[in-house]
Amino acid sequence: IGSRRVGGRAEQRGRRRMNTVPHVRLPAMIKRLKQAVTFVLRPLKLLAPRATRGVFRKKIGVIDTLVRENRSVKREIASLEAERSRLLALLKERQETHEQTIATLRRENDKEKEAFREGVQADFRKEQKGYFTKKLYEEFPSIHWNWSLSRRRAVCPDGKFAFIMGPPNSGTTIFFRILLEHPEIWGLFRESNLFTMGHTDREIISTFKSWQKSAEQEGKSIVLEKTPTNIERWPRIHSLIPNHKILCMMRDGRDCVASGVASHHGSHEDVVNRWIDSVVEYETMQAAFKDDVILVHLRDLQQDPSLVLIRSLDFLGLSYDFHVLQKMLHYHERPRHLGDQRDIPMTLPQTRDTRRDRLQMRCYQVNQPVQKDTSRWKTEFPYDRHPELHERLAPWLAKYGYLDTRRDTREDSAENTVGPNMSAMMERTPEKTLEKTLEIDVNPVESAA
């Protein structure tokens, strides 16, 4: 045991001596030497690549210049550019052809879808009709069903009817208000909207029959209806009410836009589109039924109301004299409410924020004399704010004489407004009555004073 202890201690002492031998520290010295060399050579490593890159770039530039100046290379480059241009043009052409093909296929697909939908709807209606017919026979077998009576069209009234229509805010209400003062004209002092509210043909004809009966009970010969939007539905009116006359109002489109926006009828663009559509509908209607349609300009009603009333009454086939015309011109002396709205005052409202305020404003306006100047567009719809919309209106305004300030309105009304001319009117009118008629003062307020 003691020898082992001694041997163990000797071994430990030998190991400690080996750790102090100089060659054992060689790896650390080599490491430090490498660090010193790296520190010395580091700037050289940073400079060498830069110099190499500069020389390499110069060599590349020289080689590129030599290659580009070579004729064969130039020809090859030109041919490649030409081929590239050709391929781009071909790609563009193929793309346009592809887009046209896609558009054609889309249109054909839409047509097929529409035809399929119509076919399905027709089959469904047919099956539905057959189903209900079968059920009626099963539930009520003792009743003899006469289907020819149900298919028979409603009988159109044989009375005289007239319609006032035109673009919104074009003066239809004030003109309707004046015509109602004639002793032979009957009408509801409101818009019926019969042709715009989804009513059936039987309901419309039944309503006109009831109006005709009311007019006959009051001793009046013609029923007058006023709904401006009926100008978009004149074909249906003609098919249901064949014996009718149409008075189409026309106003400067710019004033219609200003008034429509102020009345909350949509944006400027919406009102412009509606006015142009109404003018197009009037021209189509005028071409189809020339003898049953006249155009009444609001400017003529403002400048010479007596002449406008004479032509309108002649067009409707109604008689008149000096006292009748005077009564019609002084309509504002007998205020009337709009339809059944008796609770709305006929005074000027303070605001136009609510619907009741706007109705009160209409009640006030229709019981006032016709304004001489309604060019409100100069302040509410000026050209500098809406140049594009003014350019859209320009051709239509020029066509109807609203852009030519040198135009004589009375001569234009006498020549271009559809209706009997003055010579024919003088033949039918006695001299004394005509003299009294032409002596009517244009301004009813001054004449009354």
Protein backbone atom coordinates (compact mmCIF):
# COMPACT_ATOMS: atom_id res chain seq x y z
CA ILE A 1 0.00 0.00 0.00
CA GLY A 2 2.82 2.43 0.83
CA SER A 3 4.66 1.76 -2.46
CA ARG A 4 1.53 2.46 -4.37
CA ARG A 5 1.14 5.78 -2.68
CA VAL A 6 4.73 6.72 -3.42
CA GLY A 7 4.39 5.61 -7.03
CA GLY A 8 1.25 7.59 -7.44
CA ARG A 9 2.84 10.77 -6.13
CA ALA A 10 5.86 10.33 -8.40
CA GLU A 11 3.64 9.94 -11.39
CA GLN A 12 1.82 13.13 -10.54
CA ARG A 13 5.06 15.05 -10.17
CA GLY A 14 6.22 13.79 -13.61
CA ARG A 15 3.08 14.99 -15.25
CA ARG A 16 3.47 18.47 -13.78
CA ARG A 17 7.01 18.65 -15.15
CA MET A 18 5.80 17.73 -18.68
CA ASN A 19 3.34 20.64 -18.68
CA THR A 20 6.20 23.06 -18.16
CA VAL A 21 8.20 21.84 -21.18
CA PRO A 22 8.63 24.65 -23.81
CA HIS A 23 7.43 22.65 -26.89
CA VAL A 24 4.01 22.25 -25.31
CA ARG A 25 3.33 26.08 -25.88
CA LEU A 26 3.94 25.88 -29.69
CA PRO A 27 0.27 25.91 -30.85
CA ALA A 28 -0.43 29.13 -28.98
CA MET A 29 2.60 30.78 -30.48
CA ILE A 30 1.58 29.73 -34.00
CA LYS A 31 -1.88 31.17 -33.45
CA ARG A 32 -0.48 34.52 -32.33
CA LEU A 33 1.85 34.58 -35.34
CA LYS A 34 -1.06 34.05 -37.71
CA GLN A 35 -2.95 36.92 -36.12
CA ALA A 36 0.01 39.24 -36.58
CA VAL A 37 0.43 38.28 -40.23
CA THR A 38 -3.26 38.80 -40.84
CA PHE A 39 -3.15 42.24 -39.25
CA VAL A 40 -0.21 43.25 -41.45
CA LEU A 41 -1.64 41.85 -44.71
CA ARG A 42 -5.22 43.06 -44.23
CA PRO A 43 -4.74 46.42 -46.08
CA LEU A 44 -3.11 44.59 -48.96
CA LYS A 45 -6.13 42.31 -49.27
CA LEU A 46 -8.45 45.32 -49.49
CA LEU A 47 -6.41 47.08 -52.18
CA ALA A 48 -5.70 44.12 -54.41
CA PRO A 49 -9.34 43.35 -55.50
CA ARG A 50 -10.04 46.99 -56.38
CA ALA A 51 -7.06 47.21 -58.69
CA THR A 52 -7.99 43.88 -60.20
CA ARG A 53 -11.59 44.98 -60.78
CA GLY A 54 -10.52 48.22 -62.51
CA VAL A 55 -8.22 46.40 -64.92
CA PHE A 56 -10.87 43.79 -65.58
CA ARG A 57 -13.45 46.44 -66.41
CA LYS A 58 -11.12 48.13 -68.86
CA LYS A 59 -10.45 44.83 -70.59
CA ILE A 60 -14.18 44.07 -70.76
CA GLY A 61 -14.86 47.52 -72.27
CA VAL A 62 -12.22 47.03 -74.95
CA ILE A 63 -13.55 43.59 -75.81
CA ASP A 64 -17.14 44.92 -75.95
CA THR A 65 -16.08 47.76 -78.29
CA LEU A 66 -14.28 45.34 -80.59
CA VAL A 67 -17.26 43.02 -80.66
CA ARG A 68 -19.76 45.79 -81.42
CA GLU A 69 -17.63 47.25 -84.21
CA ASN A 70 -17.49 43.91 -85.95
CA ARG A 71 -19.73 43.92 -89.06
CA SER A 72 -20.94 40.40 -88.64
CA VAL A 73 -21.89 41.15 -85.07
CA LYS A 74 -23.72 44.29 -86.20
CA ARG A 75 -25.66 42.33 -88.80
CA GLU A 76 -26.54 39.73 -86.23
CA ILE A 77 -27.73 42.38 -83.79
CA ALA A 78 -29.86 44.06 -86.50
CA SER A 79 -31.41 40.75 -87.47
CA LEU A 80 -32.15 39.99 -83.84
CA GLU A 81 -33.78 43.42 -83.37
CA ALA A 82 -35.91 42.91 -86.49
CA GLU A 83 -36.93 39.47 -85.29
CA ARG A 84 -37.77 40.92 -81.89
CA SER A 85 -39.96 43.66 -83.46
CA ARG A 86 -41.71 41.09 -85.65
CA LEU A 87 -42.41 38.85 -82.70
CA LEU A 88 -43.74 41.78 -80.64
CA ALA A 89 -46.07 42.86 -83.47
CA LEU A 90 -47.24 39.28 -83.91
CA LEU A 91 -47.82 38.98 -80.18
CA LYS A 92 -49.85 42.21 -80.14
CA GLU A 93 -51.93 41.09 -83.10
CA ARG A 94 -52.55 37.70 -81.53
CA GLN A 95 -53.53 39.42 -78.28
CA GLU A 96 -56.07 41.68 -80.05
CA THR A 97 -57.46 38.71 -81.94
CA HIS A 98 -57.69 36.80 -78.69
CA GLU A 99 -59.54 39.65 -76.99
CA GLN A 100 -61.97 39.96 -79.90
CA THR A 101 -62.57 36.23 -79.83
CA ILE A 102 -63.19 36.31 -76.09
CA ALA A 103 -65.62 39.24 -76.50
CA THR A 104 -67.50 37.43 -79.29
CA LEU A 105 -67.72 34.27 -77.23
CA ARG A 106 -68.95 36.27 -74.25
CA ARG A 107 -71.70 37.92 -76.32
CA GLU A 108 -72.78 34.60 -77.77
CA ASN A 109 -72.78 33.12 -74.30
CA ASP A 110 -74.94 35.97 -73.00
CA LYS A 111 -77.40 35.48 -75.87
CA GLU A 112 -77.59 31.78 -75.15
CA LYS A 113 -78.15 32.47 -71.46
CA GLU A 114 -80.90 34.98 -72.25
CA ALA A 115 -82.60 32.59 -74.66
CA PHE A 116 -82.35 29.78 -72.15
CA ARG A 117 -83.78 31.96 -69.37
CA GLU A 118 -86.67 33.12 -71.56
CA GLY A 119 -87.37 29.54 -72.53
CA VAL A 120 -87.37 28.41 -68.92
CA GLN A 121 -89.66 31.29 -67.92
CA ALA A 122 -92.03 30.55 -70.79
CA ASP A 123 -92.16 26.88 -69.86
CA PHE A 124 -92.73 27.79 -66.22
CA ARG A 125 -95.58 30.17 -67.08
CA LYS A 126 -97.13 27.57 -69.34
CA GLU A 127 -96.90 24.86 -66.69
CA GLN A 128 -98.15 27.24 -64.01
CA LYS A 129 -101.12 28.28 -66.13
CA GLY A 130 -101.97 24.68 -66.91
CA TYR A 131 -101.65 23.73 -63.25
CA PHE A 132 -104.03 26.42 -62.02
CA THR A 133 -106.48 25.75 -64.84
CA LYS A 134 -106.53 22.08 -63.92
CA LYS A 135 -107.03 22.94 -60.25
CA LEU A 136 -109.97 25.23 -61.10
CA TYR A 137 -111.64 22.47 -63.09
CA GLU A 138 -111.06 20.01 -60.24
CA GLU A 139 -112.30 22.30 -57.47
CA PHE A 140 -115.29 23.74 -59.35
CA PRO A 141 -116.42 21.11 -61.88
CA SER A 142 -119.98 22.45 -62.07
CA ILE A 143 -118.94 25.92 -63.33
CA HIS A 144 -118.72 26.52 -67.08
CA TRP A 145 -115.49 28.48 -67.60
CA ASN A 146 -115.57 30.91 -70.52
CA TRP A 147 -111.90 31.77 -70.98
CA SER A 148 -112.58 34.02 -73.98
CA LEU A 149 -114.14 36.62 -71.67
CA SER A 150 -111.07 36.77 -69.46
CA ARG A 151 -108.78 37.14 -72.46
CA ARG A 152 -110.83 39.94 -73.98
CA ARG A 153 -109.09 43.27 -73.80
CA ALA A 154 -110.56 46.07 -71.73
CA VAL A 155 -112.65 48.54 -73.69
CA CYS A 156 -110.91 51.89 -74.13
CA PRO A 157 -112.92 54.95 -73.14
CA ASP A 158 -114.39 56.95 -76.00
CA GLY A 159 -114.02 60.38 -74.40
CA LYS A 160 -111.49 63.12 -75.06
CA PHE A 161 -108.24 62.96 -73.13
CA ALA A 162 -105.12 65.12 -73.08
CA PHE A 163 -101.74 64.60 -71.47
CA ILE A 164 -99.13 67.12 -70.36
CA MET A 165 -95.64 65.64 -70.22
CA GLY A 166 -92.03 66.62 -70.68
CA PRO A 167 -88.71 66.77 -68.85
CA PRO A 168 -88.99 67.21 -65.08
CA ASN A 169 -89.00 70.82 -63.84
CA SER A 170 -89.88 72.11 -67.31
CA GLY A 171 -93.04 74.02 -66.34
CA THR A 172 -95.61 71.22 -66.68
CA THR A 173 -97.26 72.00 -63.34
CA ILE A 174 -97.74 75.72 -63.97
CA PHE A 175 -99.07 75.07 -67.49
CA PHE A 176 -101.44 72.42 -66.11
CA ARG A 177 -102.55 74.89 -63.44
CA ILE A 178 -103.41 77.50 -66.09
CA LEU A 179 -105.31 75.09 -68.35
CA LEU A 180 -107.46 73.86 -65.46
CA GLU A 181 -109.07 77.31 -65.35
CA HIS A 182 -110.84 76.55 -68.65
CA PRO A 183 -114.50 75.67 -67.99
CA GLU A 184 -114.40 72.55 -70.21
CA ILE A 185 -111.20 70.97 -68.82
CA TRP A 186 -111.31 68.53 -65.91
CA GLY A 187 -108.26 67.18 -64.14
CA LEU A 188 -106.69 66.08 -60.88
CA PHE A 189 -104.39 68.74 -59.54
CA ARG A 190 -101.68 66.17 -58.92
CA GLU A 191 -99.60 63.58 -60.76
CA SER A 192 -101.47 60.29 -61.12
CA ASN A 193 -98.42 58.13 -62.03
CA LEU A 194 -100.80 55.56 -63.50
CA PHE A 195 -98.32 54.41 -66.12
CA THR A 196 -95.32 54.37 -63.78
CA MET A 197 -96.59 52.50 -60.71
CA GLY A 198 -97.06 49.03 -62.18
CA HIS A 199 -100.82 49.23 -62.79
CA THR A 200 -102.43 46.76 -65.18
CA ASP A 201 -104.18 47.80 -68.38
CA ARG A 202 -107.59 47.13 -66.87
CA GLU A 203 -106.82 49.28 -63.83
CA ILE A 204 -105.63 52.17 -66.01
CA ILE A 205 -108.65 52.04 -68.30
CA SER A 206 -111.01 51.73 -65.34
CA THR A 207 -109.42 54.81 -63.76
CA PHE A 208 -109.80 56.83 -66.96
CA LYS A 209 -113.44 55.77 -67.21
CA SER A 210 -114.07 57.00 -63.68
CA TRP A 211 -112.37 60.30 -64.53
CA GLN A 212 -114.48 60.63 -67.64
CA LYS A 213 -117.61 60.02 -65.61
CA SER A 214 -116.59 62.68 -63.08
CA ALA A 215 -115.92 65.16 -65.89
CA GLU A 216 -119.32 64.51 -67.44
CA GLN A 217 -121.03 65.00 -64.10
CA GLU A 218 -119.35 68.42 -63.78
CA GLY A 219 -120.28 69.34 -67.35
CA LYS A 220 -116.73 69.21 -68.76
CA SER A 221 -115.72 67.68 -72.07
CA ILE A 222 -112.02 66.82 -71.78
CA VAL A 223 -109.92 65.05 -69.14
CA LEU A 224 -106.42 66.48 -68.65
CA GLU A 225 -103.68 64.43 -66.95
CA LYS A 226 -100.22 65.69 -66.00
CA THR A 227 -97.28 63.39 -65.22
CA PRO A 228 -93.92 64.48 -66.70
CA THR A 229 -92.42 60.98 -66.74
CA ASN A 230 -95.19 59.75 -69.05
CA ILE A 231 -93.00 60.94 -71.92
CA GLU A 232 -91.07 57.69 -71.49
CA ARG A 233 -94.27 55.61 -71.75
CA TRP A 234 -96.12 57.20 -74.66
CA PRO A 235 -96.39 53.91 -76.65
CA ARG A 236 -98.46 52.34 -73.88
CA ILE A 237 -100.58 55.47 -73.57
CA HIS A 238 -101.30 55.38 -77.30
CA SER A 239 -102.21 51.69 -77.19
CA LEU A 240 -104.62 52.09 -74.26
CA ILE A 241 -106.03 55.57 -74.91
CA PRO A 242 -106.08 56.04 -78.70
CA ASN A 243 -108.24 59.20 -78.65
CA HIS A 244 -105.85 61.60 -76.93
CA LYS A 245 -103.72 64.70 -77.42
CA ILE A 246 -100.26 65.35 -75.98
CA LEU A 247 -98.84 68.72 -74.96
CA CYS A 248 -95.09 68.39 -74.43
CA MET A 249 -93.39 71.11 -72.41
CA MET A 250 -89.87 72.26 -73.24
CA ARG A 251 -87.53 74.37 -71.12
CA ASP A 252 -83.89 75.37 -71.30
CA GLY A 253 -82.04 72.24 -70.23
CA ARG A 254 -79.66 74.23 -68.08
CA ASP A 255 -82.55 75.67 -66.06
CA CYS A 256 -84.05 72.19 -65.75
CA VAL A 257 -80.77 70.91 -64.32
CA ALA A 258 -80.51 73.75 -61.80
CA SER A 259 -84.14 73.34 -60.72
CA GLY A 260 -83.91 69.54 -60.60
CA VAL A 261 -80.84 69.52 -58.37
CA ALA A 262 -82.44 72.10 -56.07
CA SER A 263 -85.55 69.87 -55.86
CA HIS A 264 -83.44 66.84 -54.87
CA HIS A 265 -84.14 64.96 -58.12
CA GLY A 266 -80.56 63.67 -58.38
CA SER A 267 -77.10 64.88 -59.26
CA HIS A 268 -76.29 67.25 -62.11
CA GLU A 269 -75.32 64.35 -64.37
CA ASP A 270 -78.53 62.44 -63.58
CA VAL A 271 -80.74 65.41 -64.41
CA VAL A 272 -78.80 66.09 -67.64
CA ASN A 273 -79.26 62.47 -68.76
CA ARG A 274 -82.96 62.62 -67.92
CA TRP A 275 -83.45 65.84 -69.89
CA ILE A 276 -81.67 64.49 -72.99
CA ASP A 277 -83.65 61.23 -72.82
CA SER A 278 -86.91 63.20 -72.61
CA VAL A 279 -86.00 65.27 -75.68
CA VAL A 280 -85.16 62.11 -77.63
CA GLU A 281 -88.49 60.56 -76.60
CA TYR A 282 -90.33 63.70 -77.73
CA GLU A 283 -88.70 63.59 -81.18
CA THR A 284 -89.62 59.92 -81.56
CA MET A 285 -93.19 60.60 -80.46
CA GLN A 286 -93.44 63.63 -82.76
CA ALA A 287 -92.30 61.56 -85.74
CA ALA A 288 -94.85 58.83 -84.97
CA PHE A 289 -97.92 60.98 -84.13
CA LYS A 290 -97.30 64.40 -85.60
CA ASP A 291 -100.92 65.58 -85.61
CA ASP A 292 -101.54 64.60 -81.98
CA VAL A 293 -98.49 66.24 -80.40
CA ILE A 294 -97.49 69.87 -79.92
CA LEU A 295 -94.42 71.39 -78.31
CA VAL A 296 -94.93 74.22 -75.82
CA HIS A 297 -91.88 76.24 -74.82
CA LEU A 298 -91.84 77.66 -71.32
CA ARG A 299 -90.13 80.78 -72.68
CA ASP A 300 -93.17 81.41 -74.94
CA LEU A 301 -95.48 80.99 -71.95
CA GLN A 302 -93.37 83.55 -70.10
CA GLN A 303 -93.21 86.12 -72.91
CA ASP A 304 -96.60 85.73 -74.62
CA PRO A 305 -98.95 83.53 -72.55
CA SER A 306 -102.10 84.56 -74.45
CA LEU A 307 -100.73 83.28 -77.77
CA VAL A 308 -99.66 79.99 -76.17
CA LEU A 309 -103.10 79.50 -74.64
CA ILE A 310 -104.88 80.25 -77.92
CA ARG A 311 -102.84 77.66 -79.80
CA SER A 312 -103.16 75.08 -77.07
CA LEU A 313 -106.94 75.46 -76.89
CA ASP A 314 -107.23 75.28 -80.68
CA PHE A 315 -105.15 72.13 -80.62
CA LEU A 316 -107.46 70.59 -78.01
CA GLY A 317 -110.54 71.67 -79.95
CA LEU A 318 -111.90 73.86 -77.16
CA SER A 319 -113.71 77.16 -77.53
CA TYR A 320 -112.60 80.36 -75.82
CA ASP A 321 -113.31 84.07 -75.62
CA PHE A 322 -111.85 87.14 -74.01
CA HIS A 323 -113.24 86.40 -70.55
CA VAL A 324 -112.05 82.78 -70.60
CA LEU A 325 -108.53 83.82 -71.53
CA GLN A 326 -108.52 86.53 -68.88
CA LYS A 327 -109.61 84.00 -66.27
CA MET A 328 -106.85 81.61 -67.32
CA LEU A 329 -104.20 84.33 -67.28
CA HIS A 330 -105.28 85.45 -63.80
CA TYR A 331 -105.22 81.93 -62.38
CA HIS A 332 -103.12 83.02 -59.38
CA GLU A 333 -106.03 85.07 -58.04
CA ARG A 334 -107.82 81.79 -57.18
CA PRO A 335 -105.31 79.70 -55.16
CA ARG A 336 -105.60 75.92 -55.29
CA HIS A 337 -103.94 73.13 -53.33
CA LEU A 338 -101.94 70.30 -54.84
CA GLY A 339 -104.34 67.35 -54.98
CA ASP A 340 -105.71 66.27 -51.61
CA GLN A 341 -103.02 68.00 -49.54
CA ARG A 342 -105.30 70.59 -47.97
CA ASP A 343 -103.25 70.89 -44.79
CA ILE A 344 -100.18 72.31 -46.55
CA PRO A 345 -100.08 76.13 -46.44
CA MET A 346 -99.62 78.03 -49.69
CA THR A 347 -96.94 80.34 -48.32
CA LEU A 348 -93.23 80.52 -48.99
CA PRO A 349 -91.40 77.99 -46.74
CA GLN A 350 -88.34 78.94 -44.75
CA THR A 351 -86.29 75.89 -45.84
CA ARG A 352 -86.47 73.00 -48.32
CA ASP A 353 -84.97 70.31 -46.12
CA THR A 354 -88.04 68.09 -45.67
CA ARG A 355 -90.54 66.71 -48.14
CA ARG A 356 -93.30 68.81 -46.59
CA ASP A 357 -91.21 71.95 -47.16
CA ARG A 358 -90.78 71.06 -50.83
CA LEU A 359 -94.52 70.41 -51.22
CA GLN A 360 -95.23 73.75 -49.59
CA MET A 361 -92.81 75.38 -52.03
CA ARG A 362 -94.65 73.80 -54.98
CA CYS A 363 -98.01 74.96 -53.61
CA TYR A 364 -96.61 78.45 -53.34
CA GLN A 365 -95.06 78.46 -56.83
CA VAL A 366 -98.10 77.18 -58.74
CA ASN A 367 -100.23 79.95 -57.26
CA GLN A 368 -97.87 82.73 -58.34
CA PRO A 369 -97.76 84.55 -61.71
CA VAL A 370 -95.52 83.10 -64.40
CA GLN A 371 -91.98 84.33 -63.92
CA LYS A 372 -90.52 86.32 -66.78
CA ASP A 373 -86.95 85.13 -66.34
CA THR A 374 -85.98 81.69 -65.06
CA SER A 375 -82.32 81.66 -66.10
CA ARG A 376 -81.19 80.41 -62.70
CA TRP A 377 -78.54 78.23 -64.31
CA LYS A 378 -76.16 81.20 -64.53
CA THR A 379 -75.67 81.09 -60.77
CA GLU A 380 -76.59 77.50 -59.85
CA PHE A 381 -75.26 75.64 -62.91
CA PRO A 382 -72.49 77.82 -64.43
CA TYR A 383 -70.33 76.68 -67.29
CA ASP A 384 -67.03 76.95 -65.43
CA ARG A 385 -68.18 74.41 -62.82
CA HIS A 386 -69.65 71.82 -65.18
CA PRO A 387 -68.07 72.31 -68.64
CA GLU A 388 -68.52 68.67 -69.71
CA LEU A 389 -72.25 68.66 -68.94
CA HIS A 390 -72.72 71.97 -70.76
CA GLU A 391 -70.96 70.51 -73.81
CA ARG A 392 -73.35 67.55 -73.76
CA LEU A 393 -76.34 69.86 -73.63
CA ALA A 394 -75.01 72.28 -76.27
CA PRO A 395 -76.21 70.52 -79.48
CA TRP A 396 -79.71 70.00 -78.08
CA LEU A 397 -79.95 73.56 -76.77
CA ALA A 398 -78.83 74.93 -80.13
CA LYS A 399 -81.35 72.73 -81.93
CA TYR A 400 -84.25 74.22 -79.96
CA GLY A 401 -82.93 77.79 -80.01
CA TYR A 402 -81.69 78.16 -76.45
CA LEU A 403 -78.15 79.19 -77.42
CA ASP A 404 -78.93 81.83 -80.07
CA THR A 405 -79.67 85.07 -78.21
CA ARG A 406 -80.61 86.90 -81.43
CA ARG A 407 -83.56 84.65 -82.03
CA ASP A 408 -87.02 86.22 -81.89
CA THR A 409 -88.93 84.02 -79.51
CA ARG A 410 -92.36 85.05 -80.70
CA GLU A 411 -91.52 84.38 -84.37
CA ASP A 412 -89.95 81.07 -83.38
CA SER A 413 -93.08 80.11 -81.47
CA ALA A 414 -95.27 81.09 -84.42
CA GLU A 415 -93.20 79.16 -86.96
CA ASN A 416 -91.90 76.09 -85.15
CA THR A 417 -94.55 75.22 -82.56
CA VAL A 418 -96.87 72.56 -83.92
CA GLY A 419 -100.48 73.69 -84.12
CA PRO A 420 -102.81 75.88 -86.17
CA ASN A 421 -101.32 79.01 -87.69
CA MET A 422 -102.61 82.53 -87.18
CA SER A 423 -104.41 82.70 -90.52
CA ALA A 424 -106.48 79.62 -89.74
CA MET A 425 -107.17 80.96 -86.25
CA MET A 426 -108.36 84.28 -87.67
CA GLU A 427 -110.73 82.47 -90.02
CA ARG A 428 -112.35 80.65 -87.10
CA THR A 429 -112.36 83.56 -84.61
CA PRO A 430 -114.80 86.49 -84.88
CA GLU A 431 -113.15 89.85 -85.40
CA LYS A 432 -114.35 91.40 -82.15
CA THR A 433 -113.29 88.42 -80.07
CA LEU A 434 -109.90 88.31 -81.79
CA GLU A 435 -109.36 92.02 -81.21
CA LYS A 436 -110.14 91.62 -77.54
CA THR A 437 -107.91 88.55 -77.38
CA LEU A 438 -104.91 90.29 -78.90
CA GLU A 439 -105.40 93.29 -76.57
CA ILE A 440 -104.76 91.15 -73.48
CA ASP A 441 -101.89 92.51 -71.44
CA VAL A 442 -98.99 90.08 -71.07
CA ASN A 443 -98.50 90.95 -67.41
CA PRO A 444 -101.71 89.98 -65.58
CA VAL A 445 -100.62 91.73 -62.38
CA GLU A 446 -100.27 95.13 -64.07
CA SER A 447 -103.53 94.68 -65.99
CA ALA A 448 -105.35 93.85 -62.77
CA ALA A 449 -103.89 96.95 -61.12
